[in-house]
């Protein structure tokens, strides 16, 4: 079978939904530096709620991008790491983060110009 992300019925759309999410980009970037605990991720990824971090991590684990290890301690210790598959996204996301930081001034100017036209 030939996969085609432009076909509305293709399951690659689900993968695109996952990897096009800003929280996914930021979490993968954080985990690129090494294994992290939940609280560390929440502190590092500014603005993410506990609920959204939990949902995103579960989705990333389900898709085979992140692995979760639970240690039988009191309280339980949980750590998250990138899988080999998850590591394949690091350079892609690094490029997106770099582009965002390098071009934000132009984007903000374009938005300001667009908004000032009054025909939006």
PDB file of N, CA and C in Angstrom:
ATOM      1  N   UNK A   1       0.843  -1.188   0.000  1.00  0.00           N
ATOM      2  CA  UNK A   1       0.000   0.000   0.000  1.00  0.00           C
ATOM      3  C   UNK A   1       0.887   1.250   0.000  1.00  0.00           C
ATOM      4  N   UNK A   2       0.507   2.211  -0.753  1.00  0.00           N
ATOM      5  CA  UNK A   2       1.232   3.469  -0.819  1.00  0.00           C
ATOM      6  C   UNK A   2       0.572   4.466   0.130  1.00  0.00           C
ATOM      7  N   UNK A   3       1.366   5.012   1.038  1.00  0.00           N
ATOM      8  CA  UNK A   3       0.860   5.982   1.999  1.00  0.00           C
ATOM      9  C   UNK A   3       0.834   7.361   1.356  1.00  0.00           C
ATOM     10  N   UNK A   4      -0.212   8.128   1.654  1.00  0.00           N
ATOM     11  CA  UNK A   4      -0.374   9.462   1.066  1.00  0.00           C
ATOM     12  C   UNK A   4      -1.027  10.370   2.094  1.00  0.00           C
ATOM     13  N   UNK A   5      -0.224  11.247   2.686  1.00  0.00           N
ATOM     14  CA  UNK A   5      -0.704  12.128   3.749  1.00  0.00           C
ATOM     15  C   UNK A   5      -1.793  13.080   3.246  1.00  0.00           C
ATOM     16  N   UNK A   6      -1.870  13.282   1.939  1.00  0.00           N
ATOM     17  CA  UNK A   6      -2.909  14.162   1.391  1.00  0.00           C
ATOM     18  C   UNK A   6      -4.255  13.462   1.240  1.00  0.00           C
ATOM     19  N   UNK A   7      -4.270  12.151   1.391  1.00  0.00           N
ATOM     20  CA  UNK A   7      -5.510  11.384   1.354  1.00  0.00           C
ATOM     21  C   UNK A   7      -6.136  11.429   2.744  1.00  0.00           C
ATOM     22  N   UNK A   8      -7.361  11.897   2.831  1.00  0.00           N
ATOM     23  CA  UNK A   8      -8.005  12.082   4.133  1.00  0.00           C
ATOM     24  C   UNK A   8      -8.175  10.797   4.924  1.00  0.00           C
ATOM     25  N   UNK A   9      -8.134   9.661   4.270  1.00  0.00           N
ATOM     26  CA  UNK A   9      -8.308   8.377   4.960  1.00  0.00           C
ATOM     27  C   UNK A   9      -6.982   7.712   5.329  1.00  0.00           C
ATOM     28  N   UNK A  10      -5.890   8.319   4.948  1.00  0.00           N
ATOM     29  CA  UNK A  10      -4.578   7.715   5.196  1.00  0.00           C
ATOM     30  C   UNK A  10      -4.193   7.864   6.670  1.00  0.00           C
ATOM     31  N   UNK A  11      -3.739   6.788   7.303  1.00  0.00           N
ATOM     32  CA  UNK A  11      -3.369   6.871   8.722  1.00  0.00           C
ATOM     33  C   UNK A  11      -2.157   7.766   8.990  1.00  0.00           C
ATOM     34  N   UNK A  12      -1.431   8.131   7.946  1.00  0.00           N
ATOM     35  CA  UNK A  12      -0.318   9.054   8.166  1.00  0.00           C
ATOM     36  C   UNK A  12      -0.807  10.403   8.670  1.00  0.00           C
ATOM     37  N   UNK A  13      -2.066  10.711   8.460  1.00  0.00           N
ATOM     38  CA  UNK A  13      -2.645  11.955   8.988  1.00  0.00           C
ATOM     39  C   UNK A  13      -2.586  11.993  10.508  1.00  0.00           C
ATOM     40  N   UNK A  14      -2.770  10.833  11.144  1.00  0.00           N
ATOM     41  CA  UNK A  14      -2.693  10.774  12.605  1.00  0.00           C
ATOM     42  C   UNK A  14      -1.281  11.084  13.078  1.00  0.00           C
ATOM     43  N   UNK A  15      -0.291  10.586  12.337  1.00  0.00           N
ATOM     44  CA  UNK A  15       1.102  10.867  12.687  1.00  0.00           C
ATOM     45  C   UNK A  15       1.392  12.348  12.480  1.00  0.00           C
ATOM     46  N   UNK A  16       0.900  12.898  11.395  1.00  0.00           N
ATOM     47  CA  UNK A  16       1.088  14.324  11.132  1.00  0.00           C
ATOM     48  C   UNK A  16       0.461  15.171  12.237  1.00  0.00           C
ATOM     49  N   UNK A  17      -0.715  14.788  12.686  1.00  0.00           N
ATOM     50  CA  UNK A  17      -1.351  15.501  13.808  1.00  0.00           C
ATOM     51  C   UNK A  17      -0.448  15.489  15.037  1.00  0.00           C
ATOM     52  N   UNK A  18       0.155  14.355  15.310  1.00  0.00           N
ATOM     53  CA  UNK A  18       1.014  14.220  16.495  1.00  0.00           C
ATOM     54  C   UNK A  18       2.261  15.086  16.351  1.00  0.00           C
ATOM     55  N   UNK A  19       2.973  14.968  15.235  1.00  0.00           N
ATOM     56  CA  UNK A  19       4.268  15.642  15.140  1.00  0.00           C
ATOM     57  C   UNK A  19       4.155  17.124  14.786  1.00  0.00           C
ATOM     58  N   UNK A  20       2.984  17.565  14.334  1.00  0.00           N
ATOM     59  CA  UNK A  20       2.802  18.983  14.018  1.00  0.00           C
ATOM     60  C   UNK A  20       2.350  19.783  15.243  1.00  0.00           C
ATOM     61  N   UNK A  21       2.189  19.131  16.358  1.00  0.00           N
ATOM     62  CA  UNK A  21       1.728  19.772  17.589  1.00  0.00           C
ATOM     63  C   UNK A  21       2.887  20.481  18.285  1.00  0.00           C
ATOM     64  N   UNK A  22       2.645  21.717  18.723  1.00  0.00           N
ATOM     65  CA  UNK A  22       3.729  22.484  19.365  1.00  0.00           C
ATOM     66  C   UNK A  22       4.243  21.802  20.625  1.00  0.00           C
ATOM     67  N   UNK A  23       3.363  21.165  21.391  1.00  0.00           N
ATOM     68  CA  UNK A  23       3.816  20.514  22.625  1.00  0.00           C
ATOM     69  C   UNK A  23       4.723  19.338  22.299  1.00  0.00           C
ATOM     70  N   UNK A  24       4.409  18.607  21.231  1.00  0.00           N
ATOM     71  CA  UNK A  24       5.264  17.501  20.810  1.00  0.00           C
ATOM     72  C   UNK A  24       6.657  18.017  20.460  1.00  0.00           C
ATOM     73  N   UNK A  25       6.719  19.089  19.697  1.00  0.00           N
ATOM     74  CA  UNK A  25       8.005  19.660  19.297  1.00  0.00           C
ATOM     75  C   UNK A  25       8.821  20.031  20.532  1.00  0.00           C
ATOM     76  N   UNK A  26       8.184  20.669  21.505  1.00  0.00           N
ATOM     77  CA  UNK A  26       8.890  21.124  22.703  1.00  0.00           C
ATOM     78  C   UNK A  26       9.285  19.964  23.620  1.00  0.00           C
ATOM     79  N   UNK A  27       8.434  18.981  23.754  1.00  0.00           N
ATOM     80  CA  UNK A  27       8.745  17.822  24.603  1.00  0.00           C
ATOM     81  C   UNK A  27       9.873  17.000  23.991  1.00  0.00           C
ATOM     82  N   UNK A  28       9.799  16.752  22.691  1.00  0.00           N
ATOM     83  CA  UNK A  28      10.882  16.009  22.027  1.00  0.00           C
ATOM     84  C   UNK A  28      12.196  16.773  22.185  1.00  0.00           C
ATOM     85  N   UNK A  29      12.150  18.096  22.043  1.00  0.00           N
ATOM     86  CA  UNK A  29      13.353  18.910  22.227  1.00  0.00           C
ATOM     87  C   UNK A  29      13.919  18.797  23.626  1.00  0.00           C
ATOM     88  N   UNK A  30      13.048  18.752  24.613  1.00  0.00           N
ATOM     89  CA  UNK A  30      13.496  18.607  25.989  1.00  0.00           C
ATOM     90  C   UNK A  30      14.100  17.223  26.230  1.00  0.00           C
ATOM     91  N   UNK A  31      13.449  16.206  25.698  1.00  0.00           N
ATOM     92  CA  UNK A  31      13.937  14.833  25.889  1.00  0.00           C
ATOM     93  C   UNK A  31      15.186  14.547  25.071  1.00  0.00           C
ATOM     94  N   UNK A  32      15.462  15.380  24.077  1.00  0.00           N
ATOM     95  CA  UNK A  32      16.691  15.232  23.293  1.00  0.00           C
ATOM     96  C   UNK A  32      17.914  15.320  24.202  1.00  0.00           C
ATOM     97  N   UNK A  33      17.799  16.101  25.282  1.00  0.00           N
ATOM     98  CA  UNK A  33      18.908  16.312  26.209  1.00  0.00           C
ATOM     99  C   UNK A  33      19.111  15.133  27.156  1.00  0.00           C
ATOM    100  N   UNK A  34      18.136  14.220  27.181  1.00  0.00           N
ATOM    101  CA  UNK A  34      18.263  13.051  28.038  1.00  0.00           C
ATOM    102  C   UNK A  34      16.966  12.737  28.754  1.00  0.00           C
ATOM    103  N   UNK A  35      17.001  11.699  29.546  1.00  0.00           N
ATOM    104  CA  UNK A  35      15.849  11.228  30.304  1.00  0.00           C
ATOM    105  C   UNK A  35      15.376  12.316  31.255  1.00  0.00           C
ATOM    106  N   UNK A  36      14.055  12.464  31.357  1.00  0.00           N
ATOM    107  CA  UNK A  36      13.463  13.488  32.214  1.00  0.00           C
ATOM    108  C   UNK A  36      12.312  12.890  33.016  1.00  0.00           C
ATOM    109  N   UNK A  37      12.123  13.466  34.194  1.00  0.00           N
ATOM    110  CA  UNK A  37      10.944  13.144  34.990  1.00  0.00           C
ATOM    111  C   UNK A  37       9.836  14.119  34.614  1.00  0.00           C
ATOM    112  N   UNK A  38       8.608  13.776  34.989  1.00  0.00           N
ATOM    113  CA  UNK A  38       7.438  14.579  34.629  1.00  0.00           C
ATOM    114  C   UNK A  38       7.600  16.033  35.082  1.00  0.00           C
ATOM    115  N   UNK A  39       7.977  16.236  36.330  1.00  0.00           N
ATOM    116  CA  UNK A  39       8.125  17.583  36.867  1.00  0.00           C
ATOM    117  C   UNK A  39       9.191  18.386  36.143  1.00  0.00           C
ATOM    118  N   UNK A  40      10.265  17.712  35.745  1.00  0.00           N
ATOM    119  CA  UNK A  40      11.318  18.394  34.989  1.00  0.00           C
ATOM    120  C   UNK A  40      10.784  18.864  33.644  1.00  0.00           C
ATOM    121  N   UNK A  41      10.027  18.006  32.978  1.00  0.00           N
ATOM    122  CA  UNK A  41       9.445  18.382  31.690  1.00  0.00           C
ATOM    123  C   UNK A  41       8.487  19.556  31.852  1.00  0.00           C
ATOM    124  N   UNK A  42       7.681  19.498  32.893  1.00  0.00           N
ATOM    125  CA  UNK A  42       6.697  20.573  33.102  1.00  0.00           C
ATOM    126  C   UNK A  42       7.396  21.908  33.350  1.00  0.00           C
ATOM    127  N   UNK A  43       8.479  21.897  34.092  1.00  0.00           N
ATOM    128  CA  UNK A  43       9.230  23.136  34.338  1.00  0.00           C
ATOM    129  C   UNK A  43       9.910  23.639  33.074  1.00  0.00           C
ATOM    130  N   UNK A  44      10.446  22.712  32.299  1.00  0.00           N
ATOM    131  CA  UNK A  44      11.210  23.104  31.106  1.00  0.00           C
ATOM    132  C   UNK A  44      10.315  23.591  29.968  1.00  0.00           C
ATOM    133  N   UNK A  45       9.152  22.984  29.808  1.00  0.00           N
ATOM    134  CA  UNK A  45       8.239  23.351  28.719  1.00  0.00           C
ATOM    135  C   UNK A  45       7.252  24.389  29.262  1.00  0.00           C
ATOM    136  N   UNK A  46       7.652  25.633  29.220  1.00  0.00           N
ATOM    137  CA  UNK A  46       6.849  26.716  29.789  1.00  0.00           C
ATOM    138  C   UNK A  46       5.459  26.800  29.190  1.00  0.00           C
ATOM    139  N   UNK A  47       4.465  26.962  30.057  1.00  0.00           N
ATOM    140  CA  UNK A  47       3.091  27.164  29.623  1.00  0.00           C
ATOM    141  C   UNK A  47       2.272  25.910  29.438  1.00  0.00           C
ATOM    142  N   UNK A  48       2.871  24.750  29.543  1.00  0.00           N
ATOM    143  CA  UNK A  48       2.100  23.519  29.366  1.00  0.00           C
ATOM    144  C   UNK A  48       1.435  23.145  30.682  1.00  0.00           C
ATOM    145  N   UNK A  49       0.168  22.778  30.607  1.00  0.00           N
ATOM    146  CA  UNK A  49      -0.550  22.348  31.809  1.00  0.00           C
ATOM    147  C   UNK A  49      -0.214  20.895  32.116  1.00  0.00           C
ATOM    148  N   UNK A  50      -0.483  20.495  33.338  1.00  0.00           N
ATOM    149  CA  UNK A  50      -0.255  19.107  33.739  1.00  0.00           C
ATOM    150  C   UNK A  50      -1.072  18.171  32.857  1.00  0.00           C
ATOM    151  N   UNK A  51      -2.315  18.536  32.597  1.00  0.00           N
ATOM    152  CA  UNK A  51      -3.197  17.706  31.776  1.00  0.00           C
ATOM    153  C   UNK A  51      -2.654  17.563  30.357  1.00  0.00           C
ATOM    154  N   UNK A  52      -2.219  18.666  29.761  1.00  0.00           N
ATOM    155  CA  UNK A  52      -1.720  18.619  28.394  1.00  0.00           C
ATOM    156  C   UNK A  52      -0.407  17.845  28.309  1.00  0.00           C
ATOM    157  N   UNK A  53       0.457  18.008  29.310  1.00  0.00           N
ATOM    158  CA  UNK A  53       1.707  17.255  29.330  1.00  0.00           C
ATOM    159  C   UNK A  53       1.413  15.763  29.429  1.00  0.00           C
ATOM    160  N   UNK A  54       0.493  15.393  30.291  1.00  0.00           N
ATOM    161  CA  UNK A  54       0.110  13.984  30.440  1.00  0.00           C
ATOM    162  C   UNK A  54      -0.442  13.433  29.131  1.00  0.00           C
ATOM    163  N   UNK A  55      -1.366  14.161  28.509  1.00  0.00           N
ATOM    164  CA  UNK A  55      -1.971  13.705  27.252  1.00  0.00           C
ATOM    165  C   UNK A  55      -0.930  13.559  26.149  1.00  0.00           C
ATOM    166  N   UNK A  56      -0.054  14.544  26.048  1.00  0.00           N
ATOM    167  CA  UNK A  56       0.958  14.512  24.993  1.00  0.00           C
ATOM    168  C   UNK A  56       1.937  13.371  25.218  1.00  0.00           C
ATOM    169  N   UNK A  57       2.390  13.189  26.451  1.00  0.00           N
ATOM    170  CA  UNK A  57       3.309  12.084  26.736  1.00  0.00           C
ATOM    171  C   UNK A  57       2.662  10.734  26.450  1.00  0.00           C
ATOM    172  N   UNK A  58       1.405  10.579  26.801  1.00  0.00           N
ATOM    173  CA  UNK A  58       0.702   9.311  26.516  1.00  0.00           C
ATOM    174  C   UNK A  58       0.627   9.061  25.014  1.00  0.00           C
ATOM    175  N   UNK A  59       0.312  10.115  24.256  1.00  0.00           N
ATOM    176  CA  UNK A  59       0.249   9.975  22.801  1.00  0.00           C
ATOM    177  C   UNK A  59       1.598   9.647  22.200  1.00  0.00           C
ATOM    178  N   UNK A  60       2.641  10.302  22.694  1.00  0.00           N
ATOM    179  CA  UNK A  60       3.988  10.030  22.203  1.00  0.00           C
ATOM    180  C   UNK A  60       4.421   8.606  22.536  1.00  0.00           C
ATOM    181  N   UNK A  61       4.034   8.137  23.710  1.00  0.00           N
ATOM    182  CA  UNK A  61       4.344   6.760  24.091  1.00  0.00           C
ATOM    183  C   UNK A  61       3.567   5.785  23.209  1.00  0.00           C
ATOM    184  N   UNK A  62       2.306   6.066  22.987  1.00  0.00           N
ATOM    185  CA  UNK A  62       1.466   5.201  22.147  1.00  0.00           C
ATOM    186  C   UNK A  62       2.025   5.094  20.734  1.00  0.00           C
ATOM    187  N   UNK A  63       2.541   6.202  20.220  1.00  0.00           N
ATOM    188  CA  UNK A  63       3.082   6.231  18.860  1.00  0.00           C
ATOM    189  C   UNK A  63       4.520   5.716  18.782  1.00  0.00           C
ATOM    190  N   UNK A  64       5.083   5.295  19.901  1.00  0.00           N
ATOM    191  CA  UNK A  64       6.412   4.709  19.903  1.00  0.00           C
ATOM    192  C   UNK A  64       7.548   5.717  19.847  1.00  0.00           C
ATOM    193  N   UNK A  65       7.269   6.973  20.195  1.00  0.00           N
ATOM    194  CA  UNK A  65       8.287   8.022  20.144  1.00  0.00           C
ATOM    195  C   UNK A  65       8.962   8.242  21.488  1.00  0.00           C
ATOM    196  N   UNK A  66       8.259   7.897  22.556  1.00  0.00           N
ATOM    197  CA  UNK A  66       8.750   8.093  23.925  1.00  0.00           C
ATOM    198  C   UNK A  66       8.530   6.805  24.694  1.00  0.00           C
ATOM    199  N   UNK A  67       9.448   6.504  25.569  1.00  0.00           N
ATOM    200  CA  UNK A  67       9.277   5.364  26.464  1.00  0.00           C
ATOM    201  C   UNK A  67       9.150   5.873  27.897  1.00  0.00           C
ATOM    202  N   UNK A  68       8.331   5.202  28.665  1.00  0.00           N
ATOM    203  CA  UNK A  68       8.104   5.568  30.067  1.00  0.00           C
ATOM    204  C   UNK A  68       8.544   4.407  30.935  1.00  0.00           C
ATOM    205  N   UNK A  69       9.347   4.725  31.941  1.00  0.00           N
ATOM    206  CA  UNK A  69       9.810   3.702  32.887  1.00  0.00           C
ATOM    207  C   UNK A  69       9.318   4.099  34.270  1.00  0.00           C
ATOM    208  N   UNK A  70       8.644   3.158  34.934  1.00  0.00           N
ATOM    209  CA  UNK A  70       8.117   3.381  36.279  1.00  0.00           C
ATOM    210  C   UNK A  70       8.970   2.578  37.252  1.00  0.00           C
ATOM    211  N   UNK A  71       9.491   3.251  38.264  1.00  0.00           N
ATOM    212  CA  UNK A  71      10.291   2.600  39.291  1.00  0.00           C
ATOM    213  C   UNK A  71       9.424   2.379  40.523  1.00  0.00           C
ATOM    214  N   UNK A  72       9.521   1.189  41.092  1.00  0.00           N
ATOM    215  CA  UNK A  72       8.711   0.814  42.251  1.00  0.00           C
ATOM    216  C   UNK A  72       9.310   1.406  43.519  1.00  0.00           C
ATOM    217  N   UNK A  73       9.146   2.701  43.671  1.00  0.00           N
ATOM    218  CA  UNK A  73       9.603   3.397  44.868  1.00  0.00           C
ATOM    219  C   UNK A  73       8.408   4.101  45.479  1.00  0.00           C
ATOM    220  N   UNK A  74       8.599   4.629  46.667  1.00  0.00           N
ATOM    221  CA  UNK A  74       7.539   5.398  47.321  1.00  0.00           C
ATOM    222  C   UNK A  74       8.076   6.811  47.531  1.00  0.00           C
ATOM    223  N   UNK A  75       7.487   7.814  46.877  1.00  0.00           N
ATOM    224  CA  UNK A  75       6.453   7.705  45.837  1.00  0.00           C
ATOM    225  C   UNK A  75       7.054   7.135  44.553  1.00  0.00           C
ATOM    226  N   UNK A  76       6.183   6.651  43.652  1.00  0.00           N
ATOM    227  CA  UNK A  76       6.688   6.072  42.404  1.00  0.00           C
ATOM    228  C   UNK A  76       7.496   7.098  41.610  1.00  0.00           C
ATOM    229  N   UNK A  77       8.570   6.646  41.014  1.00  0.00           N
ATOM    230  CA  UNK A  77       9.408   7.492  40.168  1.00  0.00           C
ATOM    231  C   UNK A  77       9.148   7.096  38.719  1.00  0.00           C
ATOM    232  N   UNK A  78       8.852   8.079  37.871  1.00  0.00           N
ATOM    233  CA  UNK A  78       8.564   7.827  36.456  1.00  0.00           C
ATOM    234  C   UNK A  78       9.520   8.665  35.622  1.00  0.00           C
ATOM    235  N   UNK A  79      10.135   8.031  34.637  1.00  0.00           N
ATOM    236  CA  UNK A  79      11.059   8.738  33.751  1.00  0.00           C
ATOM    237  C   UNK A  79      10.652   8.532  32.295  1.00  0.00           C
ATOM    238  N   UNK A  80      10.889   9.564  31.502  1.00  0.00           N
ATOM    239  CA  UNK A  80      10.563   9.540  30.081  1.00  0.00           C
ATOM    240  C   UNK A  80      11.836   9.726  29.268  1.00  0.00           C
ATOM    241  N   UNK A  81      11.927   8.972  28.174  1.00  0.00           N
ATOM    242  CA  UNK A  81      13.073   9.044  27.271  1.00  0.00           C
ATOM    243  C   UNK A  81      12.584   8.898  25.842  1.00  0.00           C
ATOM    244  N   UNK A  82      13.389   9.404  24.912  1.00  0.00           N
ATOM    245  CA  UNK A  82      13.091   9.197  23.500  1.00  0.00           C
ATOM    246  C   UNK A  82      13.441   7.773  23.104  1.00  0.00           C
ATOM    247  N   UNK A  83      12.636   7.195  22.247  1.00  0.00           N
ATOM    248  CA  UNK A  83      12.964   5.922  21.632  1.00  0.00           C
ATOM    249  C   UNK A  83      13.860   6.206  20.426  1.00  0.00           C
ATOM    250  N   UNK A  84      14.353   5.159  19.804  1.00  0.00           N
ATOM    251  CA  UNK A  84      15.133   5.346  18.580  1.00  0.00           C
ATOM    252  C   UNK A  84      14.293   6.067  17.524  1.00  0.00           C
ATOM    253  N   UNK A  85      13.028   5.692  17.420  1.00  0.00           N
ATOM    254  CA  UNK A  85      12.122   6.348  16.469  1.00  0.00           C
ATOM    255  C   UNK A  85      11.945   7.822  16.831  1.00  0.00           C
ATOM    256  N   UNK A  86      11.780   8.111  18.106  1.00  0.00           N
ATOM    257  CA  UNK A  86      11.636   9.493  18.558  1.00  0.00           C
ATOM    258  C   UNK A  86      12.862  10.330  18.245  1.00  0.00           C
ATOM    259  N   UNK A  87      14.034   9.715  18.348  1.00  0.00           N
ATOM    260  CA  UNK A  87      15.280  10.441  18.050  1.00  0.00           C
ATOM    261  C   UNK A  87      15.372  10.845  16.578  1.00  0.00           C
ATOM    262  N   UNK A  88      14.666  10.144  15.700  1.00  0.00           N
ATOM    263  CA  UNK A  88      14.702  10.518  14.286  1.00  0.00           C
ATOM    264  C   UNK A  88      14.027  11.860  14.040  1.00  0.00           C
ATOM    265  N   UNK A  89      13.234  12.334  14.977  1.00  0.00           N
ATOM    266  CA  UNK A  89      12.556  13.627  14.832  1.00  0.00           C
ATOM    267  C   UNK A  89      13.387  14.799  15.339  1.00  0.00           C
ATOM    268  N   UNK A  90      14.431  14.539  16.088  1.00  0.00           N
ATOM    269  CA  UNK A  90      15.206  15.599  16.743  1.00  0.00           C
ATOM    270  C   UNK A  90      15.720  16.624  15.739  1.00  0.00           C
ATOM    271  N   UNK A  91      16.354  16.177  14.667  1.00  0.00           N
ATOM    272  CA  UNK A  91      16.917  17.137  13.712  1.00  0.00           C
ATOM    273  C   UNK A  91      15.818  17.881  12.959  1.00  0.00           C
ATOM    274  N   UNK A  92      14.713  17.213  12.689  1.00  0.00           N
ATOM    275  CA  UNK A  92      13.580  17.875  12.027  1.00  0.00           C
ATOM    276  C   UNK A  92      13.051  18.999  12.914  1.00  0.00           C
ATOM    277  N   UNK A  93      12.826  18.692  14.183  1.00  0.00           N
ATOM    278  CA  UNK A  93      12.288  19.689  15.107  1.00  0.00           C
ATOM    279  C   UNK A  93      13.299  20.779  15.417  1.00  0.00           C
ATOM    280  N   UNK A  94      14.575  20.431  15.453  1.00  0.00           N
ATOM    281  CA  UNK A  94      15.613  21.436  15.673  1.00  0.00           C
ATOM    282  C   UNK A  94      15.560  22.473  14.557  1.00  0.00           C
ATOM    283  N   UNK A  95      15.377  22.008  13.336  1.00  0.00           N
ATOM    284  CA  UNK A  95      15.248  22.926  12.202  1.00  0.00           C
ATOM    285  C   UNK A  95      14.043  23.841  12.332  1.00  0.00           C
ATOM    286  N   UNK A  96      12.938  23.299  12.779  1.00  0.00           N
ATOM    287  CA  UNK A  96      11.716  24.097  12.962  1.00  0.00           C
ATOM    288  C   UNK A  96      11.912  25.112  14.074  1.00  0.00           C
ATOM    289  N   UNK A  97      12.511  24.694  15.195  1.00  0.00           N
ATOM    290  CA  UNK A  97      12.763  25.633  16.299  1.00  0.00           C
ATOM    291  C   UNK A  97      13.712  26.733  15.860  1.00  0.00           C
ATOM    292  N   UNK A  98      14.763  26.354  15.143  1.00  0.00           N
ATOM    293  CA  UNK A  98      15.733  27.343  14.677  1.00  0.00           C
ATOM    294  C   UNK A  98      15.067  28.332  13.710  1.00  0.00           C
ATOM    295  N   UNK A  99      14.275  27.819  12.780  1.00  0.00           N
ATOM    296  CA  UNK A  99      13.580  28.694  11.831  1.00  0.00           C
ATOM    297  C   UNK A  99      12.670  29.661  12.587  1.00  0.00           C
ATOM    298  N   UNK A 100      11.937  29.167  13.570  1.00  0.00           N
ATOM    299  CA  UNK A 100      11.019  30.005  14.352  1.00  0.00           C
ATOM    300  C   UNK A 100      11.760  31.128  15.056  1.00  0.00           C
ATOM    301  N   UNK A 101      12.856  30.794  15.695  1.00  0.00           N
ATOM    302  CA  UNK A 101      13.619  31.806  16.433  1.00  0.00           C
ATOM    303  C   UNK A 101      14.324  32.780  15.494  1.00  0.00           C
ATOM    304  N   UNK A 102      14.766  32.304  14.341  1.00  0.00           N
ATOM    305  CA  UNK A 102      15.483  33.157  13.397  1.00  0.00           C
ATOM    306  C   UNK A 102      14.571  34.094  12.618  1.00  0.00           C
ATOM    307  N   UNK A 103      13.316  33.715  12.462  1.00  0.00           N
ATOM    308  CA  UNK A 103      12.404  34.477  11.609  1.00  0.00           C
ATOM    309  C   UNK A 103      11.261  35.156  12.335  1.00  0.00           C
ATOM    310  N   UNK A 104      11.254  35.111  13.663  1.00  0.00           N
ATOM    311  CA  UNK A 104      10.129  35.670  14.403  1.00  0.00           C
ATOM    312  C   UNK A 104       9.937  37.158  14.148  1.00  0.00           C
ATOM    313  N   UNK A 105      11.016  37.899  14.011  1.00  0.00           N
ATOM    314  CA  UNK A 105      10.875  39.340  13.779  1.00  0.00           C
ATOM    315  C   UNK A 105      10.159  39.620  12.459  1.00  0.00           C
ATOM    316  N   UNK A 106      10.508  38.903  11.408  1.00  0.00           N
ATOM    317  CA  UNK A 106       9.828  39.086  10.121  1.00  0.00           C
ATOM    318  C   UNK A 106       8.366  38.673  10.200  1.00  0.00           C
ATOM    319  N   UNK A 107       8.093  37.600  10.903  1.00  0.00           N
ATOM    320  CA  UNK A 107       6.709  37.141  11.060  1.00  0.00           C
ATOM    321  C   UNK A 107       5.895  38.184  11.816  1.00  0.00           C
ATOM    322  N   UNK A 108       6.457  38.726  12.894  1.00  0.00           N
ATOM    323  CA  UNK A 108       5.739  39.741  13.667  1.00  0.00           C
ATOM    324  C   UNK A 108       5.487  40.993  12.836  1.00  0.00           C
ATOM    325  N   UNK A 109       6.461  41.412  12.017  1.00  0.00           N
ATOM    326  CA  UNK A 109       6.266  42.568  11.130  1.00  0.00           C
ATOM    327  C   UNK A 109       5.167  42.288  10.118  1.00  0.00           C
ATOM    328  N   UNK A 110       5.170  41.089   9.549  1.00  0.00           N
ATOM    329  CA  UNK A 110       4.139  40.722   8.575  1.00  0.00           C
ATOM    330  C   UNK A 110       2.761  40.732   9.220  1.00  0.00           C
ATOM    331  N   UNK A 111       2.660  40.231  10.438  1.00  0.00           N
ATOM    332  CA  UNK A 111       1.372  40.245  11.145  1.00  0.00           C
ATOM    333  C   UNK A 111       0.903  41.667  11.404  1.00  0.00           C
ATOM    334  N   UNK A 112       1.840  42.502  11.835  1.00  0.00           N
ATOM    335  CA  UNK A 112       1.499  43.898  12.112  1.00  0.00           C
ATOM    336  C   UNK A 112       1.003  44.581  10.837  1.00  0.00           C
ATOM    337  N   UNK A 113       1.689  44.378   9.727  1.00  0.00           N
ATOM    338  CA  UNK A 113       1.279  44.958   8.455  1.00  0.00           C
ATOM    339  C   UNK A 113      -0.097  44.447   8.052  1.00  0.00           C
ATOM    340  N   UNK A 114      -0.299  43.138   8.135  1.00  0.00           N
ATOM    341  CA  UNK A 114      -1.580  42.530   7.773  1.00  0.00           C
ATOM    342  C   UNK A 114      -2.714  43.106   8.625  1.00  0.00           C
ATOM    343  N   UNK A 115      -2.495  43.166   9.926  1.00  0.00           N
ATOM    344  CA  UNK A 115      -3.530  43.664  10.840  1.00  0.00           C
ATOM    345  C   UNK A 115      -3.813  45.143  10.620  1.00  0.00           C
ATOM    346  N   UNK A 116      -2.817  45.913  10.188  1.00  0.00           N
ATOM    347  CA  UNK A 116      -3.015  47.347   9.998  1.00  0.00           C
ATOM    348  C   UNK A 116      -3.799  47.671   8.738  1.00  0.00           C
ATOM    349  N   UNK A 117      -3.911  46.737   7.812  1.00  0.00           N
ATOM    350  CA  UNK A 117      -4.636  46.976   6.562  1.00  0.00           C
ATOM    351  C   UNK A 117      -6.125  47.129   6.788  1.00  0.00           C
ATOM    352  N   UNK A 118      -6.643  46.493   7.819  1.00  0.00           N
ATOM    353  CA  UNK A 118      -8.061  46.626   8.138  1.00  0.00           C
ATOM    354  C   UNK A 118      -8.990  45.761   7.311  1.00  0.00           C
ATOM    355  N   UNK A 119      -8.472  44.957   6.406  1.00  0.00           N
ATOM    356  CA  UNK A 119      -9.337  44.090   5.608  1.00  0.00           C
ATOM    357  C   UNK A 119      -9.277  42.638   6.033  1.00  0.00           C
ATOM    358  N   UNK A 120      -8.749  42.417   7.201  1.00  0.00           N
ATOM    359  CA  UNK A 120      -8.588  41.046   7.690  1.00  0.00           C
ATOM    360  C   UNK A 120      -9.885  40.430   8.124  1.00  0.00           C
TER     361      UNK A 120
END
